[in-house]
Amino acid sequence: MQSITNGRSYIPLLVLILLFGLPPTAGWLYVMNPQWLPDKHKNNGTLVSPPRPLQSLHLKDGNNRNFDWSTLSGRWLLISRNRGVCADDCRQQLQALRQIRRAVGAERIRVEQLLIQEAPVAELFTDTSDTHAEDLNILYLDPDQLTEFERLFSVSGIDPGRATYLADPNGMLMMGYTASSPKKDILKDLETLLKASRNWTTGVNNGHNG
């Protein structure tokens, strides 16, 4: 795994869990319950450190209304970006991310797929029978928000054009993946984060019921 701030490639995935999306009490819960920890491995994406709150980016929904980020609270977000018509490379990326979401099985209810569309077009998908918009949240980026988008999604070594980003359930941007990143690597990271955060929640609930 890479860190934007110091370039180190080995940071336990636990650091992600503790830094992004979980309350400070999670730290001692993991210490007291080491069986909850994910297996040790290198993270496959580029760590955004410190994490960046997506709430500062003002987007529009399909009805040109201001989007409320709180509607996605509690969900892990798989984020991609597109300019103009969603061409072959765009559709392939959407399909791959949809497959990643489906691959986590029942946990997919905790994951949302988000496409940030720049420069709205009359027809985003040229084929009216296209199914790539299924289970897809499409949000629109106004020109006056482009600078803020670039600030948030600027990650060393990653071209945002066909990159994939991962945000935690609190709406904090935490990971970035290049267009060439194997989708199995994104899936592996997502599965580990889902498992770890689920175990943390289970531990808290058990503690409250004890």
N, C-alpha and C. Protein backbone atom coordinates (compact mmCIF):
# COMPACT_ATOMS: atom_id res chain seq x y z
N MET A 1 0.83 -1.19 0.00
CA MET A 1 0.00 0.00 0.00
C MET A 1 0.87 1.24 0.00
N GLN A 2 0.39 2.27 -0.63
CA GLN A 2 1.13 3.52 -0.70
C GLN A 2 0.47 4.56 0.19
N SER A 3 1.27 5.42 0.74
CA SER A 3 0.74 6.54 1.51
C SER A 3 1.09 7.82 0.79
N ILE A 4 0.14 8.68 0.59
CA ILE A 4 0.39 9.93 -0.11
C ILE A 4 1.34 10.80 0.69
N THR A 5 1.24 10.73 2.00
CA THR A 5 1.99 11.67 2.82
C THR A 5 3.46 11.29 2.98
N ASN A 6 3.78 9.99 3.02
CA ASN A 6 5.16 9.65 3.27
C ASN A 6 5.72 8.63 2.30
N GLY A 7 4.93 8.14 1.35
CA GLY A 7 5.43 7.24 0.34
C GLY A 7 5.70 5.83 0.81
N ARG A 8 5.46 5.48 2.05
CA ARG A 8 5.72 4.14 2.53
C ARG A 8 4.71 3.19 1.92
N SER A 9 5.15 1.97 1.63
CA SER A 9 4.30 1.01 0.95
C SER A 9 3.73 -0.05 1.88
N TYR A 10 4.11 -0.05 3.14
CA TYR A 10 3.62 -1.07 4.06
C TYR A 10 2.92 -0.40 5.24
N ILE A 11 1.61 -0.37 5.19
CA ILE A 11 0.82 0.13 6.31
C ILE A 11 -0.28 -0.88 6.55
N PRO A 12 -0.38 -1.46 7.75
CA PRO A 12 -1.40 -2.47 7.99
C PRO A 12 -2.78 -1.93 7.67
N LEU A 13 -3.62 -2.77 7.13
CA LEU A 13 -4.97 -2.34 6.81
C LEU A 13 -5.71 -1.91 8.07
N LEU A 14 -5.29 -2.41 9.21
CA LEU A 14 -5.91 -1.98 10.46
C LEU A 14 -5.85 -0.48 10.61
N VAL A 15 -4.75 0.14 10.14
CA VAL A 15 -4.63 1.59 10.25
C VAL A 15 -5.80 2.26 9.54
N LEU A 16 -6.18 1.72 8.39
CA LEU A 16 -7.33 2.28 7.67
C LEU A 16 -8.59 2.19 8.51
N ILE A 17 -8.78 1.04 9.13
CA ILE A 17 -9.99 0.83 9.92
C ILE A 17 -10.05 1.84 11.06
N LEU A 18 -8.92 2.05 11.71
CA LEU A 18 -8.90 2.92 12.87
C LEU A 18 -8.97 4.39 12.49
N LEU A 19 -8.42 4.75 11.31
CA LEU A 19 -8.39 6.14 10.91
C LEU A 19 -9.68 6.58 10.23
N PHE A 20 -10.30 5.69 9.49
CA PHE A 20 -11.40 6.08 8.64
C PHE A 20 -12.67 5.31 8.97
N GLY A 21 -13.67 6.02 9.40
CA GLY A 21 -14.99 5.43 9.50
C GLY A 21 -15.34 4.82 10.83
N LEU A 22 -14.42 4.65 11.75
CA LEU A 22 -14.74 4.04 13.03
C LEU A 22 -14.42 5.00 14.17
N PRO A 23 -15.23 5.01 15.22
CA PRO A 23 -14.96 5.88 16.37
C PRO A 23 -13.66 5.50 17.05
N PRO A 24 -13.09 6.43 17.84
CA PRO A 24 -11.83 6.16 18.50
C PRO A 24 -11.86 4.93 19.40
N THR A 25 -13.05 4.58 19.95
CA THR A 25 -13.13 3.42 20.82
C THR A 25 -12.82 2.13 20.10
N ALA A 26 -12.85 2.15 18.77
CA ALA A 26 -12.55 0.93 18.02
C ALA A 26 -11.14 0.44 18.30
N GLY A 27 -10.21 1.37 18.59
CA GLY A 27 -8.83 0.98 18.81
C GLY A 27 -8.69 -0.02 19.94
N TRP A 28 -9.24 0.31 21.09
CA TRP A 28 -9.07 -0.61 22.21
C TRP A 28 -9.93 -1.85 22.03
N LEU A 29 -11.03 -1.76 21.31
CA LEU A 29 -11.83 -2.95 21.06
C LEU A 29 -11.04 -3.97 20.24
N TYR A 30 -10.28 -3.49 19.25
CA TYR A 30 -9.46 -4.40 18.47
C TYR A 30 -8.33 -4.98 19.32
N VAL A 31 -7.76 -4.17 20.20
CA VAL A 31 -6.69 -4.66 21.06
C VAL A 31 -7.20 -5.77 21.97
N MET A 32 -8.41 -5.57 22.51
CA MET A 32 -9.00 -6.54 23.42
C MET A 32 -9.56 -7.77 22.68
N ASN A 33 -9.79 -7.62 21.37
CA ASN A 33 -10.38 -8.71 20.59
C ASN A 33 -9.59 -8.92 19.30
N PRO A 34 -8.38 -9.43 19.38
CA PRO A 34 -7.54 -9.56 18.19
C PRO A 34 -8.14 -10.48 17.12
N GLN A 35 -9.08 -11.35 17.52
CA GLN A 35 -9.69 -12.24 16.53
C GLN A 35 -10.52 -11.46 15.51
N TRP A 36 -10.83 -10.20 15.80
CA TRP A 36 -11.61 -9.39 14.86
C TRP A 36 -10.73 -8.83 13.74
N LEU A 37 -9.43 -8.86 13.91
CA LEU A 37 -8.54 -8.22 12.94
C LEU A 37 -8.53 -8.98 11.62
N PRO A 38 -8.46 -8.26 10.50
CA PRO A 38 -8.32 -8.93 9.21
C PRO A 38 -6.94 -9.55 9.08
N ASP A 39 -6.81 -10.53 8.19
CA ASP A 39 -5.49 -11.12 7.94
C ASP A 39 -4.53 -10.04 7.47
N LYS A 40 -3.28 -10.19 7.84
CA LYS A 40 -2.27 -9.21 7.45
C LYS A 40 -2.02 -9.28 5.94
N HIS A 41 -2.05 -8.14 5.28
CA HIS A 41 -1.69 -8.07 3.88
C HIS A 41 -1.50 -6.61 3.51
N LYS A 42 -0.82 -6.42 2.40
CA LYS A 42 -0.63 -5.05 1.93
C LYS A 42 -1.91 -4.57 1.28
N ASN A 43 -2.26 -3.33 1.58
CA ASN A 43 -3.42 -2.76 0.91
C ASN A 43 -3.07 -2.55 -0.55
N ASN A 44 -4.06 -2.70 -1.43
CA ASN A 44 -3.78 -2.67 -2.86
C ASN A 44 -3.95 -1.28 -3.48
N GLY A 45 -4.59 -0.38 -2.78
CA GLY A 45 -4.81 0.95 -3.32
C GLY A 45 -3.83 1.96 -2.74
N THR A 46 -4.04 3.21 -3.10
CA THR A 46 -3.23 4.31 -2.58
C THR A 46 -4.01 5.00 -1.46
N LEU A 47 -3.42 5.05 -0.31
CA LEU A 47 -4.05 5.64 0.86
C LEU A 47 -4.12 7.15 0.76
N VAL A 48 -5.29 7.72 0.97
CA VAL A 48 -5.45 9.17 1.05
C VAL A 48 -5.31 9.56 2.51
N SER A 49 -4.21 10.20 2.84
CA SER A 49 -3.93 10.51 4.23
C SER A 49 -3.44 11.96 4.37
N PRO A 50 -4.20 12.78 5.13
CA PRO A 50 -5.40 12.43 5.88
C PRO A 50 -6.61 12.27 4.95
N PRO A 51 -7.65 11.62 5.45
CA PRO A 51 -8.85 11.43 4.63
C PRO A 51 -9.51 12.76 4.32
N ARG A 52 -10.29 12.80 3.24
CA ARG A 52 -10.89 14.05 2.79
C ARG A 52 -12.41 13.95 2.79
N PRO A 53 -13.09 14.87 3.45
CA PRO A 53 -14.56 14.81 3.52
C PRO A 53 -15.20 15.18 2.19
N LEU A 54 -16.01 14.28 1.67
CA LEU A 54 -16.66 14.52 0.39
C LEU A 54 -17.78 15.55 0.49
N GLN A 55 -18.22 15.83 1.69
CA GLN A 55 -19.33 16.77 1.87
C GLN A 55 -19.03 18.17 1.37
N SER A 56 -17.74 18.48 1.18
CA SER A 56 -17.39 19.81 0.68
C SER A 56 -17.61 19.93 -0.82
N LEU A 57 -17.90 18.80 -1.49
CA LEU A 57 -18.16 18.81 -2.92
C LEU A 57 -19.66 18.87 -3.16
N HIS A 58 -20.13 19.92 -3.82
CA HIS A 58 -21.55 20.11 -4.04
C HIS A 58 -21.94 19.57 -5.42
N LEU A 59 -22.75 18.52 -5.42
CA LEU A 59 -23.16 17.86 -6.64
C LEU A 59 -24.67 18.01 -6.84
N LYS A 60 -25.14 17.70 -8.04
CA LYS A 60 -26.57 17.75 -8.35
C LYS A 60 -27.05 16.36 -8.71
N ASP A 61 -28.33 16.08 -8.39
CA ASP A 61 -28.90 14.80 -8.79
C ASP A 61 -29.51 14.92 -10.17
N GLY A 62 -30.18 13.88 -10.62
CA GLY A 62 -30.74 13.88 -11.96
C GLY A 62 -31.84 14.90 -12.18
N ASN A 63 -32.38 15.44 -11.10
CA ASN A 63 -33.42 16.47 -11.19
C ASN A 63 -32.87 17.86 -10.95
N ASN A 64 -31.53 17.98 -11.01
CA ASN A 64 -30.83 19.26 -10.83
C ASN A 64 -31.03 19.83 -9.44
N ARG A 65 -31.24 18.95 -8.48
CA ARG A 65 -31.35 19.38 -7.09
C ARG A 65 -30.02 19.12 -6.38
N ASN A 66 -29.73 19.92 -5.36
CA ASN A 66 -28.51 19.72 -4.59
C ASN A 66 -28.53 18.35 -3.93
N PHE A 67 -27.44 17.63 -4.08
CA PHE A 67 -27.36 16.29 -3.51
C PHE A 67 -26.98 16.36 -2.04
N ASP A 68 -27.65 15.55 -1.22
CA ASP A 68 -27.39 15.49 0.21
C ASP A 68 -26.56 14.24 0.49
N TRP A 69 -25.30 14.44 0.85
CA TRP A 69 -24.41 13.32 1.11
C TRP A 69 -24.90 12.43 2.24
N SER A 70 -25.69 12.96 3.14
CA SER A 70 -26.16 12.17 4.28
C SER A 70 -27.05 11.00 3.83
N THR A 71 -27.59 11.06 2.61
CA THR A 71 -28.42 9.96 2.13
C THR A 71 -27.60 8.69 1.89
N LEU A 72 -26.28 8.84 1.81
CA LEU A 72 -25.39 7.69 1.63
C LEU A 72 -24.63 7.36 2.91
N SER A 73 -25.01 7.99 4.00
CA SER A 73 -24.32 7.74 5.27
C SER A 73 -24.45 6.27 5.66
N GLY A 74 -23.36 5.72 6.16
CA GLY A 74 -23.36 4.33 6.57
C GLY A 74 -23.02 3.35 5.46
N ARG A 75 -22.74 3.85 4.26
CA ARG A 75 -22.41 2.99 3.13
C ARG A 75 -20.98 3.23 2.68
N TRP A 76 -20.31 2.16 2.31
CA TRP A 76 -19.03 2.28 1.62
C TRP A 76 -19.32 2.68 0.19
N LEU A 77 -18.52 3.55 -0.39
CA LEU A 77 -18.78 4.09 -1.72
C LEU A 77 -17.68 3.72 -2.70
N LEU A 78 -18.08 3.14 -3.83
CA LEU A 78 -17.19 2.92 -4.96
C LEU A 78 -17.46 4.03 -5.96
N ILE A 79 -16.47 4.91 -6.18
CA ILE A 79 -16.69 6.14 -6.92
C ILE A 79 -15.87 6.15 -8.21
N SER A 80 -16.52 6.56 -9.30
CA SER A 80 -15.81 6.77 -10.56
C SER A 80 -16.28 8.09 -11.15
N ARG A 81 -15.57 8.54 -12.19
CA ARG A 81 -15.86 9.84 -12.81
C ARG A 81 -15.97 9.67 -14.32
N ASN A 82 -16.80 10.48 -14.95
CA ASN A 82 -16.92 10.43 -16.40
C ASN A 82 -17.16 11.82 -16.96
N ARG A 83 -16.63 12.05 -18.18
CA ARG A 83 -16.89 13.28 -18.91
C ARG A 83 -17.65 12.92 -20.20
N GLY A 84 -18.72 13.63 -20.48
CA GLY A 84 -19.45 13.41 -21.72
C GLY A 84 -20.19 12.09 -21.75
N VAL A 85 -20.38 11.55 -22.96
CA VAL A 85 -21.09 10.28 -23.12
C VAL A 85 -20.29 9.15 -22.47
N CYS A 86 -20.99 8.23 -21.85
CA CYS A 86 -20.33 7.08 -21.23
C CYS A 86 -20.00 6.08 -22.34
N ALA A 87 -18.75 6.16 -22.83
CA ALA A 87 -18.30 5.32 -23.93
C ALA A 87 -17.87 3.94 -23.42
N ASP A 88 -17.22 3.18 -24.30
CA ASP A 88 -16.89 1.80 -23.96
C ASP A 88 -16.08 1.68 -22.68
N ASP A 89 -15.03 2.51 -22.54
CA ASP A 89 -14.19 2.39 -21.35
C ASP A 89 -14.97 2.74 -20.09
N CYS A 90 -15.88 3.71 -20.19
CA CYS A 90 -16.73 4.08 -19.06
C CYS A 90 -17.65 2.94 -18.69
N ARG A 91 -18.29 2.34 -19.69
CA ARG A 91 -19.23 1.25 -19.42
C ARG A 91 -18.51 0.03 -18.85
N GLN A 92 -17.30 -0.22 -19.34
CA GLN A 92 -16.54 -1.35 -18.81
C GLN A 92 -16.19 -1.14 -17.35
N GLN A 93 -15.84 0.09 -17.00
CA GLN A 93 -15.53 0.38 -15.60
C GLN A 93 -16.76 0.23 -14.72
N LEU A 94 -17.90 0.75 -15.18
CA LEU A 94 -19.13 0.63 -14.41
C LEU A 94 -19.51 -0.83 -14.21
N GLN A 95 -19.35 -1.62 -15.26
CA GLN A 95 -19.67 -3.04 -15.17
C GLN A 95 -18.76 -3.74 -14.17
N ALA A 96 -17.47 -3.40 -14.20
CA ALA A 96 -16.52 -4.03 -13.28
C ALA A 96 -16.84 -3.66 -11.83
N LEU A 97 -17.20 -2.41 -11.59
CA LEU A 97 -17.52 -1.98 -10.22
C LEU A 97 -18.83 -2.60 -9.76
N ARG A 98 -19.77 -2.75 -10.67
CA ARG A 98 -21.03 -3.40 -10.31
C ARG A 98 -20.78 -4.86 -9.92
N GLN A 99 -19.87 -5.51 -10.64
CA GLN A 99 -19.52 -6.90 -10.32
C GLN A 99 -18.83 -6.99 -8.97
N ILE A 100 -17.99 -5.99 -8.65
CA ILE A 100 -17.34 -5.96 -7.34
C ILE A 100 -18.39 -5.86 -6.25
N ARG A 101 -19.35 -4.97 -6.43
CA ARG A 101 -20.41 -4.81 -5.43
C ARG A 101 -21.20 -6.10 -5.26
N ARG A 102 -21.53 -6.75 -6.36
CA ARG A 102 -22.29 -8.00 -6.27
C ARG A 102 -21.46 -9.12 -5.66
N ALA A 103 -20.14 -9.07 -5.85
CA ALA A 103 -19.27 -10.14 -5.38
C ALA A 103 -19.18 -10.21 -3.86
N VAL A 104 -19.53 -9.13 -3.17
CA VAL A 104 -19.47 -9.16 -1.70
C VAL A 104 -20.73 -9.78 -1.11
N GLY A 105 -21.62 -10.28 -1.97
CA GLY A 105 -22.79 -11.01 -1.51
C GLY A 105 -23.77 -10.16 -0.72
N ALA A 106 -24.19 -10.68 0.41
CA ALA A 106 -25.19 -9.98 1.23
C ALA A 106 -24.69 -8.63 1.72
N GLU A 107 -23.37 -8.46 1.76
CA GLU A 107 -22.80 -7.19 2.23
C GLU A 107 -22.99 -6.06 1.22
N ARG A 108 -23.49 -6.37 0.03
CA ARG A 108 -23.67 -5.32 -0.98
C ARG A 108 -24.65 -4.24 -0.53
N ILE A 109 -25.51 -4.56 0.45
CA ILE A 109 -26.43 -3.54 0.95
C ILE A 109 -25.68 -2.44 1.69
N ARG A 110 -24.42 -2.68 2.03
CA ARG A 110 -23.59 -1.69 2.71
C ARG A 110 -22.68 -0.95 1.75
N VAL A 111 -22.85 -1.20 0.44
CA VAL A 111 -21.99 -0.61 -0.57
C VAL A 111 -22.84 0.07 -1.64
N GLU A 112 -22.44 1.26 -2.04
CA GLU A 112 -23.12 1.98 -3.11
C GLU A 112 -22.11 2.32 -4.20
N GLN A 113 -22.57 2.28 -5.44
CA GLN A 113 -21.75 2.65 -6.58
C GLN A 113 -22.14 4.03 -7.04
N LEU A 114 -21.16 4.90 -7.19
CA LEU A 114 -21.42 6.31 -7.47
C LEU A 114 -20.63 6.76 -8.70
N LEU A 115 -21.32 7.35 -9.66
CA LEU A 115 -20.67 7.93 -10.84
C LEU A 115 -20.82 9.44 -10.77
N ILE A 116 -19.69 10.14 -10.77
CA ILE A 116 -19.71 11.60 -10.82
C ILE A 116 -19.56 12.00 -12.28
N GLN A 117 -20.60 12.59 -12.82
CA GLN A 117 -20.66 12.92 -14.24
C GLN A 117 -20.37 14.40 -14.44
N GLU A 118 -19.33 14.65 -15.23
CA GLU A 118 -18.97 16.03 -15.57
C GLU A 118 -19.55 16.38 -16.93
N ALA A 119 -20.02 17.59 -17.10
CA ALA A 119 -20.59 18.05 -18.36
C ALA A 119 -21.75 17.16 -18.79
N PRO A 120 -22.92 17.34 -18.19
CA PRO A 120 -24.09 16.53 -18.54
C PRO A 120 -24.36 16.51 -20.04
N VAL A 121 -24.82 15.37 -20.52
CA VAL A 121 -25.14 15.21 -21.92
C VAL A 121 -26.59 14.76 -22.05
N ALA A 122 -27.16 14.94 -23.25
CA ALA A 122 -28.56 14.57 -23.46
C ALA A 122 -28.79 13.09 -23.17
N GLU A 123 -27.87 12.25 -23.64
CA GLU A 123 -27.96 10.81 -23.42
C GLU A 123 -26.62 10.32 -22.88
N LEU A 124 -26.60 9.97 -21.59
CA LEU A 124 -25.35 9.49 -20.99
C LEU A 124 -24.95 8.15 -21.60
N PHE A 125 -25.93 7.28 -21.79
CA PHE A 125 -25.69 5.97 -22.39
C PHE A 125 -26.34 5.97 -23.77
N THR A 126 -25.54 5.73 -24.78
CA THR A 126 -26.03 5.82 -26.15
C THR A 126 -26.98 4.70 -26.51
N ASP A 127 -26.85 3.57 -25.84
CA ASP A 127 -27.73 2.43 -26.10
C ASP A 127 -28.87 2.46 -25.10
N THR A 128 -30.10 2.60 -25.58
CA THR A 128 -31.25 2.70 -24.68
C THR A 128 -31.49 1.42 -23.89
N SER A 129 -30.91 0.31 -24.36
CA SER A 129 -31.06 -0.96 -23.64
C SER A 129 -29.92 -1.19 -22.65
N ASP A 130 -29.05 -0.19 -22.53
CA ASP A 130 -27.88 -0.32 -21.65
C ASP A 130 -28.33 -0.52 -20.21
N THR A 131 -27.72 -1.49 -19.54
CA THR A 131 -28.08 -1.80 -18.15
C THR A 131 -27.03 -1.31 -17.16
N HIS A 132 -26.07 -0.53 -17.62
CA HIS A 132 -24.98 -0.11 -16.75
C HIS A 132 -25.44 0.86 -15.66
N ALA A 133 -26.61 1.45 -15.83
CA ALA A 133 -27.10 2.39 -14.82
C ALA A 133 -27.84 1.69 -13.69
N GLU A 134 -27.99 0.37 -13.77
CA GLU A 134 -28.67 -0.36 -12.71
C GLU A 134 -27.88 -0.24 -11.41
N ASP A 135 -28.61 0.06 -10.33
CA ASP A 135 -27.99 0.18 -9.00
C ASP A 135 -26.86 1.20 -8.98
N LEU A 136 -26.96 2.21 -9.84
CA LEU A 136 -25.91 3.23 -9.95
C LEU A 136 -26.46 4.59 -9.56
N ASN A 137 -25.74 5.26 -8.65
CA ASN A 137 -26.07 6.63 -8.29
C ASN A 137 -25.29 7.57 -9.21
N ILE A 138 -26.01 8.33 -10.05
CA ILE A 138 -25.36 9.26 -10.97
C ILE A 138 -25.54 10.68 -10.44
N LEU A 139 -24.44 11.34 -10.17
CA LEU A 139 -24.46 12.72 -9.67
C LEU A 139 -23.68 13.61 -10.64
N TYR A 140 -24.07 14.87 -10.69
CA TYR A 140 -23.54 15.76 -11.72
C TYR A 140 -22.68 16.86 -11.10
N LEU A 141 -21.56 17.09 -11.77
CA LEU A 141 -20.56 18.05 -11.31
C LEU A 141 -20.69 19.34 -12.11
N ASP A 142 -21.08 20.41 -11.44
CA ASP A 142 -21.16 21.71 -12.11
C ASP A 142 -19.75 22.27 -12.33
N PRO A 143 -19.57 23.09 -13.36
CA PRO A 143 -18.24 23.65 -13.63
C PRO A 143 -17.63 24.39 -12.44
N ASP A 144 -18.47 25.05 -11.64
CA ASP A 144 -17.91 25.81 -10.52
C ASP A 144 -17.42 24.91 -9.39
N GLN A 145 -17.65 23.61 -9.50
CA GLN A 145 -17.18 22.65 -8.49
C GLN A 145 -15.96 21.86 -8.96
N LEU A 146 -15.50 22.16 -10.16
CA LEU A 146 -14.40 21.38 -10.72
C LEU A 146 -13.13 21.53 -9.90
N THR A 147 -12.84 22.74 -9.44
CA THR A 147 -11.63 22.96 -8.64
C THR A 147 -11.69 22.16 -7.35
N GLU A 148 -12.86 22.15 -6.70
CA GLU A 148 -13.00 21.40 -5.46
C GLU A 148 -12.88 19.90 -5.73
N PHE A 149 -13.45 19.45 -6.84
CA PHE A 149 -13.32 18.03 -7.19
C PHE A 149 -11.85 17.66 -7.35
N GLU A 150 -11.12 18.46 -8.10
CA GLU A 150 -9.71 18.17 -8.33
C GLU A 150 -8.91 18.20 -7.04
N ARG A 151 -9.27 19.09 -6.14
CA ARG A 151 -8.59 19.13 -4.84
C ARG A 151 -8.84 17.84 -4.06
N LEU A 152 -10.09 17.41 -4.02
CA LEU A 152 -10.44 16.23 -3.24
C LEU A 152 -9.86 14.95 -3.83
N PHE A 153 -9.94 14.83 -5.16
CA PHE A 153 -9.60 13.57 -5.81
C PHE A 153 -8.20 13.55 -6.41
N SER A 154 -7.41 14.55 -6.09
CA SER A 154 -6.03 14.56 -6.54
C SER A 154 -5.20 13.61 -5.67
N VAL A 155 -4.83 12.49 -6.25
CA VAL A 155 -4.06 11.47 -5.54
C VAL A 155 -2.80 11.16 -6.35
N SER A 156 -1.67 11.19 -5.70
CA SER A 156 -0.39 11.00 -6.38
C SER A 156 -0.38 9.71 -7.19
N GLY A 157 -0.02 9.83 -8.47
CA GLY A 157 0.12 8.67 -9.32
C GLY A 157 -1.17 8.15 -9.92
N ILE A 158 -2.29 8.86 -9.69
CA ILE A 158 -3.59 8.38 -10.17
C ILE A 158 -4.23 9.43 -11.06
N ASP A 159 -4.58 9.03 -12.28
CA ASP A 159 -5.33 9.88 -13.19
C ASP A 159 -6.81 9.70 -12.89
N PRO A 160 -7.49 10.76 -12.45
CA PRO A 160 -8.90 10.61 -12.05
C PRO A 160 -9.84 10.25 -13.19
N GLY A 161 -9.35 10.33 -14.43
CA GLY A 161 -10.22 10.07 -15.57
C GLY A 161 -10.91 8.72 -15.52
N ARG A 162 -10.18 7.66 -15.23
CA ARG A 162 -10.76 6.32 -15.14
C ARG A 162 -10.35 5.63 -13.84
N ALA A 163 -10.07 6.43 -12.84
CA ALA A 163 -9.69 5.87 -11.55
C ALA A 163 -10.93 5.41 -10.79
N THR A 164 -10.70 4.61 -9.78
CA THR A 164 -11.75 4.21 -8.84
C THR A 164 -11.34 4.68 -7.46
N TYR A 165 -12.31 5.20 -6.72
CA TYR A 165 -12.04 5.69 -5.37
C TYR A 165 -12.96 4.98 -4.39
N LEU A 166 -12.48 4.87 -3.16
CA LEU A 166 -13.25 4.23 -2.10
C LEU A 166 -13.41 5.22 -0.95
N ALA A 167 -14.66 5.42 -0.55
CA ALA A 167 -14.95 6.30 0.59
C ALA A 167 -15.61 5.48 1.69
N ASP A 168 -15.37 5.89 2.93
CA ASP A 168 -15.89 5.12 4.05
C ASP A 168 -17.32 5.53 4.40
N PRO A 169 -17.96 4.86 5.36
CA PRO A 169 -19.36 5.15 5.68
C PRO A 169 -19.63 6.55 6.23
N ASN A 170 -18.56 7.27 6.58
CA ASN A 170 -18.73 8.65 7.04
C ASN A 170 -18.52 9.66 5.92
N GLY A 171 -18.38 9.17 4.68
CA GLY A 171 -18.19 10.07 3.55
C GLY A 171 -16.79 10.64 3.46
N MET A 172 -15.81 9.88 3.94
CA MET A 172 -14.42 10.32 3.89
C MET A 172 -13.70 9.55 2.78
N LEU A 173 -13.10 10.30 1.85
CA LEU A 173 -12.33 9.67 0.78
C LEU A 173 -11.07 9.08 1.36
N MET A 174 -10.85 7.76 1.15
CA MET A 174 -9.75 7.11 1.85
C MET A 174 -8.80 6.34 0.95
N MET A 175 -9.26 5.92 -0.25
CA MET A 175 -8.42 5.10 -1.11
C MET A 175 -8.62 5.48 -2.56
N GLY A 176 -7.55 5.30 -3.36
CA GLY A 176 -7.64 5.52 -4.79
C GLY A 176 -6.98 4.38 -5.54
N TYR A 177 -7.53 4.04 -6.71
CA TYR A 177 -6.99 2.95 -7.53
C TYR A 177 -6.84 3.45 -8.96
N THR A 178 -5.75 3.11 -9.61
CA THR A 178 -5.54 3.52 -11.00
C THR A 178 -6.48 2.73 -11.91
N ALA A 179 -6.58 3.21 -13.15
CA ALA A 179 -7.43 2.53 -14.13
C ALA A 179 -6.93 1.12 -14.39
N SER A 180 -5.64 0.88 -14.22
CA SER A 180 -5.07 -0.44 -14.48
C SER A 180 -5.08 -1.36 -13.26
N SER A 181 -5.56 -0.87 -12.13
CA SER A 181 -5.59 -1.71 -10.93
C SER A 181 -6.51 -2.91 -11.16
N PRO A 182 -6.04 -4.13 -10.88
CA PRO A 182 -6.92 -5.30 -11.03
C PRO A 182 -8.14 -5.15 -10.14
N LYS A 183 -9.29 -5.44 -10.69
CA LYS A 183 -10.53 -5.29 -9.92
C LYS A 183 -10.58 -6.25 -8.74
N LYS A 184 -9.85 -7.37 -8.86
CA LYS A 184 -9.81 -8.31 -7.74
C LYS A 184 -9.10 -7.69 -6.54
N ASP A 185 -8.18 -6.74 -6.80
CA ASP A 185 -7.50 -6.07 -5.69
C ASP A 185 -8.46 -5.13 -4.96
N ILE A 186 -9.29 -4.42 -5.74
CA ILE A 186 -10.29 -3.54 -5.12
C ILE A 186 -11.26 -4.38 -4.30
N LEU A 187 -11.69 -5.49 -4.86
CA LEU A 187 -12.61 -6.38 -4.16
C LEU A 187 -12.01 -6.89 -2.86
N LYS A 188 -10.74 -7.28 -2.91
CA LYS A 188 -10.09 -7.81 -1.72
C LYS A 188 -10.06 -6.76 -0.61
N ASP A 189 -9.69 -5.53 -0.95
CA ASP A 189 -9.67 -4.47 0.05
C ASP A 189 -11.07 -4.21 0.61
N LEU A 190 -12.05 -4.15 -0.27
CA LEU A 190 -13.42 -3.87 0.16
C LEU A 190 -13.93 -4.98 1.08
N GLU A 191 -13.68 -6.22 0.73
CA GLU A 191 -14.13 -7.33 1.56
C GLU A 191 -13.50 -7.26 2.95
N THR A 192 -12.21 -6.92 3.00
CA THR A 192 -11.52 -6.84 4.28
C THR A 192 -12.10 -5.72 5.14
N LEU A 193 -12.36 -4.57 4.53
CA LEU A 193 -12.91 -3.44 5.27
C LEU A 193 -14.33 -3.73 5.74
N LEU A 194 -15.12 -4.36 4.90
CA LEU A 194 -16.48 -4.71 5.28
C LEU A 194 -16.48 -5.68 6.46
N LYS A 195 -15.61 -6.67 6.38
CA LYS A 195 -15.53 -7.66 7.46
C LYS A 195 -15.08 -7.03 8.76
N ALA A 196 -14.04 -6.22 8.69
CA ALA A 196 -13.51 -5.61 9.91
C ALA A 196 -14.52 -4.66 10.54
N SER A 197 -15.20 -3.84 9.73
CA SER A 197 -16.16 -2.90 10.29
C SER A 197 -17.39 -3.62 10.82
N ARG A 198 -17.77 -4.74 10.18
CA ARG A 198 -18.90 -5.52 10.69
C ARG A 198 -18.56 -6.15 12.03
N ASN A 199 -17.34 -6.69 12.14
CA ASN A 199 -16.92 -7.30 13.40
C ASN A 199 -16.84 -6.28 14.52
N TRP A 200 -16.41 -5.05 14.16
CA TRP A 200 -16.36 -4.01 15.17
C TRP A 200 -17.76 -3.70 15.69
N THR A 201 -18.73 -3.58 14.76
CA THR A 201 -20.10 -3.29 15.16
C THR A 201 -20.67 -4.41 16.01
N THR A 202 -20.39 -5.65 15.62
CA THR A 202 -20.86 -6.80 16.40
C THR A 202 -20.28 -6.79 17.79
N GLY A 203 -19.00 -6.46 17.89
CA GLY A 203 -18.36 -6.40 19.19
C GLY A 203 -18.97 -5.35 20.09
N VAL A 204 -19.26 -4.18 19.52
CA VAL A 204 -19.88 -3.11 20.30
C VAL A 204 -21.24 -3.55 20.80
N ASN A 205 -22.04 -4.14 19.88
CA ASN A 205 -23.38 -4.58 20.27
C ASN A 205 -23.34 -5.63 21.36
N ASN A 206 -22.40 -6.57 21.24
CA ASN A 206 -22.26 -7.59 22.27
C ASN A 206 -21.86 -6.98 23.59
N GLY A 207 -20.99 -5.95 23.52
CA GLY A 207 -20.59 -5.30 24.75
C GLY A 207 -21.73 -4.57 25.43
N HIS A 208 -22.61 -3.97 24.61
CA HIS A 208 -23.77 -3.27 25.18
C HIS A 208 -24.77 -4.23 25.77
N ASN A 209 -24.82 -5.46 25.19
CA ASN A 209 -25.81 -6.43 25.66
C ASN A 209 -25.28 -7.30 26.80
N GLY A 210 -23.97 -7.12 27.07
CA GLY A 210 -23.37 -7.96 28.10
C GLY A 210 -23.71 -7.52 29.51
